[in-house]
Amino acid sequence: MLKNVKKYFISKETIRTYVILKVVVNCMKKLLLLITLSFICINVSALELNISSDNVVMYNMKDNKVLYEKNSNEKVQIASLTKIMTAIVTLDTIKDLNNRITLTSDDFKNIIKENLVSAGFKRGQTVTYLDLLYGLLLPSGADAANALTRTVDDNFIDLMNDKAKELGMDNTHFSNSIGLDSKNNYSTVNDVYKMFSYALKNEQFRKIITTSKYTMSDGSFTVRSTVKNNKLVGSYLLGGKTGTTDGAGLCLASLASFDDSEFILITTGAPYDKKGKHNLEDAKVIYEYFKDNYDYQTIVSKGDIILSLATKYLKEDKIDFYVSNDIVTYLPNNLDKKKITYKYDGIKIVDSSMKKGDKLGKVKIYYDGNKIDSVDIIMKETPKFSILKFICVHKVSFILGILTLLIILLFVVKKKRK
């Protein structure tokens, strides 16, 4: 009998094998789940362009909307894009740009050692602040940056960081005015956009970065733009600021105009090699993609019904709300109107308590899942109460009320007769 019982016992090796197999199966299930989730999270509509820059953001300035981004909130070295903030602090501080200063040997320290770009100023030369700004922004002169840092304010770097905070550049810190690689001198392309768009509101800054060349006030030499004088990008490129270091790669903050709008493009992290034009090549790819494939499209026309709401106790069964102006937005040329959707958030039923001018809610307009505009829903006229509609809706209660009233009247009449 014991011999027969033994055959039902499970060996330790069998149990161990079973446990291992169970663990493997569970791990495979979790792996498959992660793979599935990763596919679900992929944005299949994300734009893929053949560019080499690691970090990109492009804004349509007319609509103040992001058209394209790639790693836009990653903290990175930004090289001479730092000089945009150097220019901002100077323009905010110096009221008369024709004031003159004399350059000293301190303004040329480490330029050769650090292999920095010089605008071409000389020790002992007397120039205006405007001269220095052109030397700073067009050829990206480190000598100009040093002279401005030395003479504008003793706490120049602090002013740069204070301005960054004021502009909401939460992922930015400056440790120098030139853009030297440093763990304490960093930003993101989104923050650089905030800085660049702010600077462009200053007429003098805009004039400088959209200029091809400038001759110093004393006639000593001429500086040329590293952006305007390139032949890679078309005439739609209005200007900008380049930057290059080993840590940052090739960077670019640029302004372009086409399709009845202006566009800002910020790129960092393009490969830094002898060719040295990957940032401009990327700008050409991105700008021309949108130039060729996008335009302003009318998605809702003036007078179109955008919403209909049911009513309660009003003469009308429903009230239609119309668009007062064409709604135009920057979208692909192959616009698919089936991808236009609406989402209403507000009062669902209109009644007589509402008045002309009352805001009932808002209709949000989406294209391919992305919000593109919104329309306020406002009462154009004060609605009129309908007693007939009220009676029709409450006819049972109304009839019962009348019957009750008649019974009471009959009761009163009989009582009087008695």
Protein backbone atom coordinates (compact mmCIF):
# COMPACT_ATOMS: atom_id res chain seq x y z
CA MET A 1 0.00 0.00 0.00
CA LEU A 2 2.86 2.42 0.81
CA LYS A 3 4.32 1.76 -2.61
CA ASN A 4 1.08 2.92 -4.20
CA VAL A 5 1.01 6.08 -2.06
CA LYS A 6 4.53 7.14 -3.06
CA LYS A 7 3.59 7.62 -6.67
CA TYR A 8 1.26 10.54 -5.67
CA PHE A 9 4.10 12.46 -3.95
CA ILE A 10 5.56 15.46 -5.90
CA SER A 11 9.32 15.75 -5.86
CA LYS A 12 11.12 18.93 -4.73
CA GLU A 13 12.60 19.35 -8.24
CA THR A 14 9.11 19.35 -9.76
CA ILE A 15 7.90 21.99 -7.28
CA ARG A 16 10.97 24.16 -7.94
CA THR A 17 10.46 23.91 -11.70
CA TYR A 18 6.78 24.83 -11.34
CA VAL A 19 7.62 27.90 -9.23
CA ILE A 20 10.25 29.09 -11.71
CA LEU A 21 7.87 28.66 -14.64
CA LYS A 22 5.17 30.61 -12.79
CA VAL A 23 7.57 33.49 -12.08
CA VAL A 24 8.66 33.55 -15.74
CA VAL A 25 5.05 33.58 -16.95
CA ASN A 26 4.17 36.46 -14.60
CA CYS A 27 7.19 38.44 -15.76
CA MET A 28 6.22 37.88 -19.40
CA LYS A 29 2.68 39.09 -18.67
CA LYS A 30 4.02 42.28 -17.06
CA LEU A 31 6.42 42.84 -19.97
CA LEU A 32 3.64 42.44 -22.51
CA LEU A 33 1.50 44.88 -20.53
CA LEU A 34 4.28 47.47 -20.50
CA ILE A 35 4.83 47.05 -24.23
CA THR A 36 1.11 47.48 -24.86
CA LEU A 37 0.94 50.59 -22.70
CA SER A 38 3.95 52.07 -24.41
CA PHE A 39 2.25 51.69 -27.79
CA ILE A 40 -0.92 53.24 -26.43
CA CYS A 41 1.05 56.25 -25.13
CA ILE A 42 2.76 56.90 -28.47
CA ASN A 43 1.36 59.98 -30.19
CA VAL A 44 1.03 58.66 -33.72
CA SER A 45 0.20 62.14 -34.98
CA ALA A 46 3.53 63.55 -33.73
CA LEU A 47 5.44 65.28 -36.51
CA GLU A 48 8.71 63.61 -37.46
CA LEU A 49 11.19 65.79 -39.36
CA ASN A 50 14.66 64.90 -40.59
CA ILE A 51 16.69 67.18 -38.32
CA SER A 52 19.79 66.76 -36.16
CA SER A 53 19.01 69.19 -33.30
CA ASP A 54 18.23 67.51 -29.97
CA ASN A 55 15.91 70.24 -28.65
CA VAL A 56 13.40 72.23 -30.68
CA VAL A 57 10.40 74.50 -30.22
CA MET A 58 8.61 76.50 -32.93
CA TYR A 59 5.90 79.07 -32.24
CA ASN A 60 3.37 80.75 -34.51
CA MET A 61 3.50 84.29 -33.11
CA LYS A 62 0.20 85.42 -34.63
CA ASP A 63 -1.71 82.68 -32.80
CA ASN A 64 0.81 82.28 -29.94
CA LYS A 65 0.73 78.51 -30.44
CA VAL A 66 3.36 75.78 -30.53
CA LEU A 67 3.61 74.18 -33.96
CA TYR A 68 6.46 71.77 -33.30
CA GLU A 69 8.51 70.71 -30.29
CA LYS A 70 11.11 68.14 -29.35
CA ASN A 71 12.54 67.78 -25.83
CA SER A 72 11.53 71.41 -25.29
CA ASN A 73 11.80 71.36 -21.48
CA GLU A 74 15.15 69.58 -21.18
CA LYS A 75 17.81 71.63 -19.37
CA VAL A 76 20.78 72.09 -21.71
CA GLN A 77 23.76 74.33 -22.44
CA ILE A 78 22.69 77.18 -24.73
CA ALA A 79 26.07 78.67 -25.75
CA SER A 80 25.82 82.22 -27.14
CA LEU A 81 22.03 82.28 -27.00
CA THR A 82 22.96 83.52 -23.51
CA LYS A 83 23.91 86.81 -25.17
CA ILE A 84 20.22 87.50 -25.84
CA MET A 85 19.84 88.03 -22.09
CA THR A 86 23.07 90.07 -22.07
CA ALA A 87 21.42 92.37 -24.62
CA ILE A 88 18.12 92.50 -22.68
CA VAL A 89 19.83 93.61 -19.45
CA THR A 90 21.80 96.25 -21.37
CA LEU A 91 18.71 97.61 -23.12
CA ASP A 92 16.74 97.64 -19.85
CA THR A 93 19.54 99.48 -18.00
CA ILE A 94 21.19 101.89 -20.44
CA LYS A 95 18.81 104.69 -21.41
CA ASP A 96 21.08 106.37 -23.96
CA LEU A 97 22.79 103.86 -26.23
CA ASN A 98 24.93 106.62 -27.73
CA ASN A 99 26.85 106.95 -24.45
CA ARG A 100 30.49 105.99 -25.04
CA ILE A 101 32.89 103.75 -23.14
CA THR A 102 36.53 102.81 -23.60
CA LEU A 103 37.52 99.16 -23.85
CA THR A 104 40.24 97.89 -21.50
CA SER A 105 42.47 94.82 -21.43
CA ASP A 106 39.95 93.15 -19.09
CA ASP A 107 37.49 92.96 -21.98
CA PHE A 108 39.83 90.68 -23.95
CA LYS A 109 40.89 88.26 -21.20
CA ASN A 110 40.75 84.57 -22.13
CA ILE A 111 39.30 85.23 -25.60
CA ILE A 112 42.21 83.47 -27.32
CA LYS A 113 42.63 80.88 -24.54
CA GLU A 114 38.93 79.92 -24.63
CA ASN A 115 38.82 80.14 -28.45
CA LEU A 116 36.01 82.71 -28.26
CA VAL A 117 34.70 84.85 -31.11
CA SER A 118 35.78 88.50 -31.10
CA ALA A 119 33.69 91.18 -32.75
CA GLY A 120 36.88 93.07 -33.66
CA PHE A 121 37.14 95.78 -31.02
CA LYS A 122 40.60 96.96 -29.86
CA ARG A 123 41.97 97.77 -26.41
CA GLY A 124 41.69 101.53 -25.79
CA GLN A 125 38.99 101.97 -28.45
CA THR A 126 36.08 104.24 -27.49
CA VAL A 127 32.70 103.04 -28.76
CA THR A 128 28.99 103.46 -28.03
CA TYR A 129 26.77 100.97 -26.27
CA LEU A 130 24.93 100.59 -29.57
CA ASP A 131 28.24 99.58 -31.22
CA LEU A 132 28.74 96.96 -28.51
CA LEU A 133 25.21 95.57 -28.97
CA TYR A 134 25.77 95.11 -32.69
CA GLY A 135 29.13 93.49 -31.95
CA LEU A 136 27.42 91.25 -29.37
CA LEU A 137 24.51 90.04 -31.49
CA LEU A 138 25.69 89.95 -35.11
CA PRO A 139 29.11 88.21 -34.93
CA SER A 140 28.53 87.10 -31.28
CA GLY A 141 31.54 88.96 -29.94
CA ALA A 142 32.83 87.91 -26.51
CA ASP A 143 34.76 91.19 -26.31
CA ALA A 144 31.45 93.08 -26.55
CA ALA A 145 29.86 90.85 -23.89
CA ASN A 146 32.77 91.45 -21.50
CA ALA A 147 32.66 95.22 -22.03
CA LEU A 148 28.92 95.35 -21.38
CA THR A 149 29.19 93.19 -18.27
CA ARG A 150 31.97 95.41 -16.89
CA THR A 151 30.31 98.77 -17.53
CA VAL A 152 26.52 98.36 -17.41
CA ASP A 153 26.20 97.19 -13.78
CA ASP A 154 28.43 95.69 -11.09
CA ASN A 155 25.80 92.98 -10.52
CA PHE A 156 25.25 92.19 -14.20
CA ILE A 157 24.86 88.39 -13.79
CA ASP A 158 22.38 88.89 -10.94
CA LEU A 159 20.36 91.16 -13.20
CA MET A 160 20.34 88.41 -15.85
CA ASN A 161 18.95 85.88 -13.38
CA ASP A 162 16.43 88.38 -11.97
CA LYS A 163 15.13 89.02 -15.51
CA ALA A 164 14.90 85.29 -16.15
CA LYS A 165 12.66 84.91 -13.09
CA GLU A 166 10.55 87.86 -14.19
CA LEU A 167 10.01 86.24 -17.60
CA GLY A 168 8.99 82.91 -16.06
CA MET A 169 12.15 81.12 -17.18
CA ASP A 170 11.86 78.60 -14.36
CA ASN A 171 14.41 76.14 -15.82
CA THR A 172 17.16 78.69 -16.47
CA HIS A 173 20.22 79.97 -14.64
CA PHE A 174 23.06 82.19 -15.86
CA SER A 175 26.61 82.19 -14.54
CA ASN A 176 28.25 84.24 -17.33
CA SER A 177 27.22 86.72 -20.01
CA ILE A 178 28.98 85.00 -22.91
CA GLY A 179 27.51 81.50 -22.91
CA LEU A 180 30.55 79.53 -21.81
CA ASP A 181 29.82 75.89 -20.98
CA SER A 182 29.08 75.65 -17.27
CA LYS A 183 26.87 73.47 -15.09
CA ASN A 184 25.45 76.74 -13.72
CA ASN A 185 24.69 78.27 -17.12
CA TYR A 186 21.74 76.40 -18.63
CA SER A 187 18.25 76.79 -20.01
CA THR A 188 15.61 75.03 -22.14
CA VAL A 189 14.43 75.88 -25.64
CA ASN A 190 11.04 76.80 -24.15
CA ASP A 191 12.72 79.27 -21.80
CA VAL A 192 14.90 80.65 -24.60
CA TYR A 193 11.68 81.25 -26.54
CA LYS A 194 10.33 83.33 -23.63
CA MET A 195 13.56 85.32 -23.56
CA PHE A 196 13.78 85.82 -27.33
CA SER A 197 10.10 86.76 -27.79
CA TYR A 198 10.45 89.32 -24.97
CA ALA A 199 13.59 90.79 -26.55
CA LEU A 200 11.86 91.12 -29.93
CA LYS A 201 9.34 93.50 -28.37
CA ASN A 202 12.21 95.98 -28.03
CA GLU A 203 12.46 97.86 -31.35
CA GLN A 204 16.22 98.29 -31.04
CA PHE A 205 16.85 94.60 -30.42
CA ARG A 206 14.62 93.62 -33.37
CA LYS A 207 16.43 96.09 -35.61
CA ILE A 208 19.83 94.69 -34.63
CA ILE A 209 19.09 90.99 -35.12
CA THR A 210 17.37 91.62 -38.48
CA THR A 211 20.35 93.61 -39.79
CA SER A 212 22.84 92.04 -42.22
CA LYS A 213 25.81 94.27 -41.37
CA TYR A 214 26.73 97.28 -39.27
CA THR A 215 29.66 99.72 -39.40
CA MET A 216 30.90 101.06 -36.05
CA SER A 217 30.16 104.67 -35.20
CA ASP A 218 33.86 105.57 -35.58
CA GLY A 219 34.02 103.79 -38.96
CA SER A 220 36.77 101.45 -37.70
CA PHE A 221 35.27 98.19 -38.94
CA THR A 222 32.05 96.43 -40.01
CA VAL A 223 30.39 93.43 -38.38
CA ARG A 224 28.14 90.96 -40.21
CA SER A 225 25.28 88.76 -39.04
CA THR A 226 25.95 85.02 -38.67
CA VAL A 227 22.27 84.43 -39.57
CA LYS A 228 21.22 86.98 -42.21
CA ASN A 229 24.26 86.37 -44.42
CA ASN A 230 23.85 82.62 -44.79
CA LYS A 231 22.60 81.25 -48.10
CA LEU A 232 20.97 78.10 -46.75
CA VAL A 233 17.67 79.56 -45.59
CA GLY A 234 15.39 81.64 -47.78
CA SER A 235 14.51 85.31 -47.51
CA TYR A 236 11.67 84.44 -45.13
CA LEU A 237 14.34 84.21 -42.38
CA LEU A 238 14.35 87.72 -40.89
CA GLY A 239 17.25 87.21 -38.49
CA GLY A 240 18.36 85.62 -35.26
CA LYS A 241 21.20 84.61 -32.99
CA THR A 242 23.50 81.59 -33.30
CA GLY A 243 25.51 79.85 -30.59
CA THR A 244 28.21 77.21 -30.56
CA THR A 245 30.18 75.39 -27.86
CA ASP A 246 31.35 71.82 -27.36
CA GLY A 247 28.73 71.28 -24.66
CA ALA A 248 25.82 72.98 -26.42
CA GLY A 249 26.50 71.94 -29.99
CA LEU A 250 25.10 74.26 -32.64
CA CYS A 251 22.22 76.44 -31.43
CA LEU A 252 19.90 78.94 -33.08
CA ALA A 253 17.20 81.41 -32.07
CA SER A 254 15.57 82.73 -35.23
CA LEU A 255 12.67 84.81 -36.51
CA ALA A 256 10.91 84.12 -39.83
CA SER A 257 7.94 85.53 -41.70
CA PHE A 258 5.60 83.76 -44.14
CA ASP A 259 1.92 82.80 -44.48
CA ASP A 260 0.88 86.19 -43.06
CA SER A 261 2.52 85.49 -39.70
CA GLU A 262 5.83 85.54 -37.86
CA PHE A 263 7.44 82.43 -36.41
CA ILE A 264 10.08 81.89 -33.75
CA LEU A 265 12.25 78.77 -33.88
CA ILE A 266 14.68 77.76 -31.11
CA THR A 267 17.05 74.81 -31.60
CA THR A 268 19.97 73.44 -29.56
CA GLY A 269 22.20 70.39 -29.62
CA ALA A 270 22.90 70.04 -33.36
CA PRO A 271 26.24 68.26 -34.08
CA TYR A 272 29.25 70.53 -33.85
CA ASP A 273 31.66 69.68 -36.66
CA LYS A 274 33.74 71.40 -39.34
CA LYS A 275 30.69 71.91 -41.53
CA GLY A 276 29.10 73.94 -38.75
CA LYS A 277 25.73 74.56 -40.41
CA HIS A 278 23.46 71.88 -38.97
CA ASN A 279 21.47 74.43 -36.96
CA LEU A 280 20.72 76.45 -40.11
CA GLU A 281 19.97 73.30 -42.09
CA ASP A 282 17.46 72.26 -39.42
CA ALA A 283 15.89 75.71 -39.55
CA LYS A 284 15.44 75.35 -43.30
CA VAL A 285 13.82 71.90 -42.94
CA ILE A 286 11.40 73.02 -40.23
CA TYR A 287 10.45 76.40 -41.68
CA GLU A 288 9.96 75.06 -45.19
CA TYR A 289 7.89 72.11 -44.00
CA PHE A 290 5.32 74.48 -42.49
CA LYS A 291 5.68 76.98 -45.34
CA ASP A 292 4.86 74.25 -47.90
CA ASN A 293 2.30 72.20 -45.97
CA TYR A 294 0.40 74.66 -43.74
CA ASP A 295 -1.68 77.78 -44.21
CA TYR A 296 -4.50 79.71 -42.55
CA GLN A 297 -7.74 77.76 -42.99
CA THR A 298 -11.34 78.85 -42.31
CA ILE A 299 -12.80 76.12 -40.12
CA VAL A 300 -16.04 77.88 -39.14
CA SER A 301 -17.63 80.65 -41.20
CA LYS A 302 -19.48 83.72 -39.98
CA GLY A 303 -23.16 82.89 -39.51
CA ASP A 304 -22.64 79.15 -39.03
CA ILE A 305 -24.63 77.54 -36.21
CA ILE A 306 -22.13 76.40 -33.62
CA LEU A 307 -24.59 75.30 -30.91
CA SER A 308 -28.31 74.67 -30.36
CA LEU A 309 -29.77 74.60 -26.86
CA ALA A 310 -33.15 73.28 -25.70
CA THR A 311 -35.55 75.69 -23.98
CA LYS A 312 -37.94 75.53 -21.04
CA TYR A 313 -41.30 77.35 -21.12
CA LEU A 314 -40.22 79.54 -24.05
CA LYS A 315 -41.93 80.18 -27.38
CA GLU A 316 -39.02 78.57 -29.27
CA ASP A 317 -38.34 74.87 -28.84
CA LYS A 318 -34.61 75.53 -29.26
CA ILE A 319 -32.29 78.49 -29.61
CA ASP A 320 -29.48 78.48 -32.17
CA PHE A 321 -26.20 80.27 -31.51
CA TYR A 322 -24.21 81.59 -34.46
CA VAL A 323 -20.56 82.47 -35.05
CA SER A 324 -20.14 86.24 -35.35
CA ASN A 325 -16.82 86.05 -37.27
CA ASP A 326 -14.90 83.59 -39.41
CA ILE A 327 -12.72 81.33 -37.28
CA VAL A 328 -9.41 81.00 -39.06
CA THR A 329 -6.41 79.04 -37.81
CA TYR A 330 -3.07 77.70 -39.03
CA LEU A 331 -3.60 74.09 -40.13
CA PRO A 332 -2.41 71.56 -42.74
CA ASN A 333 -3.36 72.29 -46.35
CA ASN A 334 -5.02 68.88 -46.60
CA LEU A 335 -7.53 69.91 -43.94
CA ASP A 336 -9.96 67.11 -43.08
CA LYS A 337 -13.16 68.72 -41.77
CA LYS A 338 -14.19 65.39 -40.24
CA LYS A 339 -11.42 65.97 -37.70
CA ILE A 340 -13.04 69.20 -36.49
CA THR A 341 -14.94 68.59 -33.24
CA TYR A 342 -16.74 70.76 -30.70
CA LYS A 343 -17.09 70.51 -26.94
CA TYR A 344 -19.61 72.66 -25.09
CA ASP A 345 -19.28 73.46 -21.42
CA GLY A 346 -22.11 75.48 -19.91
CA ILE A 347 -25.86 75.80 -19.30
CA LYS A 348 -27.75 73.08 -21.14
CA ILE A 349 -31.32 74.52 -21.09
CA VAL A 350 -32.38 78.13 -21.72
CA ASP A 351 -35.27 79.52 -19.65
CA SER A 352 -36.96 82.86 -19.00
CA SER A 353 -34.63 83.71 -16.11
CA MET A 354 -31.89 84.54 -18.62
CA LYS A 355 -31.35 87.96 -20.15
CA LYS A 356 -29.75 89.50 -23.20
CA GLY A 357 -25.96 89.53 -22.79
CA ASP A 358 -25.81 86.61 -20.34
CA LYS A 359 -22.88 84.26 -20.93
CA LEU A 360 -24.16 80.68 -20.96
CA GLY A 361 -20.88 78.85 -21.53
CA LYS A 362 -18.10 78.20 -24.03
CA VAL A 363 -17.69 76.02 -27.12
CA LYS A 364 -14.14 74.68 -27.56
CA ILE A 365 -13.11 73.83 -31.10
CA TYR A 366 -10.65 70.99 -31.75
CA TYR A 367 -8.82 69.76 -34.81
CA ASP A 368 -7.51 66.21 -34.65
CA GLY A 369 -7.81 66.31 -30.87
CA ASN A 370 -5.86 69.57 -30.47
CA LYS A 371 -7.67 72.67 -29.21
CA ILE A 372 -7.49 75.47 -31.74
CA ASP A 373 -10.04 78.05 -30.56
CA SER A 374 -13.06 78.71 -28.35
CA VAL A 375 -16.30 80.71 -28.69
CA ASP A 376 -18.33 82.27 -25.86
CA ILE A 377 -22.04 81.45 -25.98
CA ILE A 378 -23.96 84.67 -25.22
CA MET A 379 -27.69 85.42 -25.23
CA LYS A 380 -28.43 87.81 -28.10
CA GLU A 381 -31.98 88.54 -26.94
CA THR A 382 -33.95 88.17 -23.73
CA PRO A 383 -36.12 85.02 -24.15
CA LYS A 384 -39.92 85.29 -23.89
CA PHE A 385 -41.89 83.16 -21.46
CA SER A 386 -44.80 81.18 -22.98
CA ILE A 387 -47.82 80.48 -20.73
CA LEU A 388 -49.16 77.98 -23.28
CA LYS A 389 -45.91 75.97 -23.17
CA PHE A 390 -46.06 76.05 -19.39
CA ILE A 391 -49.68 74.75 -19.41
CA CYS A 392 -48.87 72.06 -22.00
CA VAL A 393 -45.98 70.76 -19.96
CA HIS A 394 -47.97 70.79 -16.73
CA LYS A 395 -51.42 70.01 -18.21
CA VAL A 396 -52.15 67.17 -15.78
CA SER A 397 -51.36 69.34 -12.78
CA PHE A 398 -53.24 72.22 -14.39
CA ILE A 399 -56.38 70.11 -14.97
CA LEU A 400 -56.23 68.70 -11.45
CA GLY A 401 -55.89 72.22 -10.11
CA ILE A 402 -58.95 73.42 -12.03
CA LEU A 403 -60.98 70.39 -10.90
CA THR A 404 -59.95 71.02 -7.31
CA LEU A 405 -60.95 74.65 -7.64
CA LEU A 406 -64.37 73.68 -9.10
CA ILE A 407 -64.99 71.20 -6.30
CA ILE A 408 -64.19 73.88 -3.75
CA LEU A 409 -66.53 76.34 -5.49
CA LEU A 410 -69.32 73.77 -5.60
CA PHE A 411 -68.81 73.03 -1.94
CA VAL A 412 -68.99 76.73 -1.10
CA VAL A 413 -72.14 77.26 -3.20
CA LYS A 414 -73.94 74.31 -1.56
CA LYS A 415 -72.98 75.53 1.85
CA LYS A 416 -74.41 78.98 1.15
CA ARG A 417 -77.71 77.48 -0.09
CA LYS A 418 -78.09 75.48 3.10
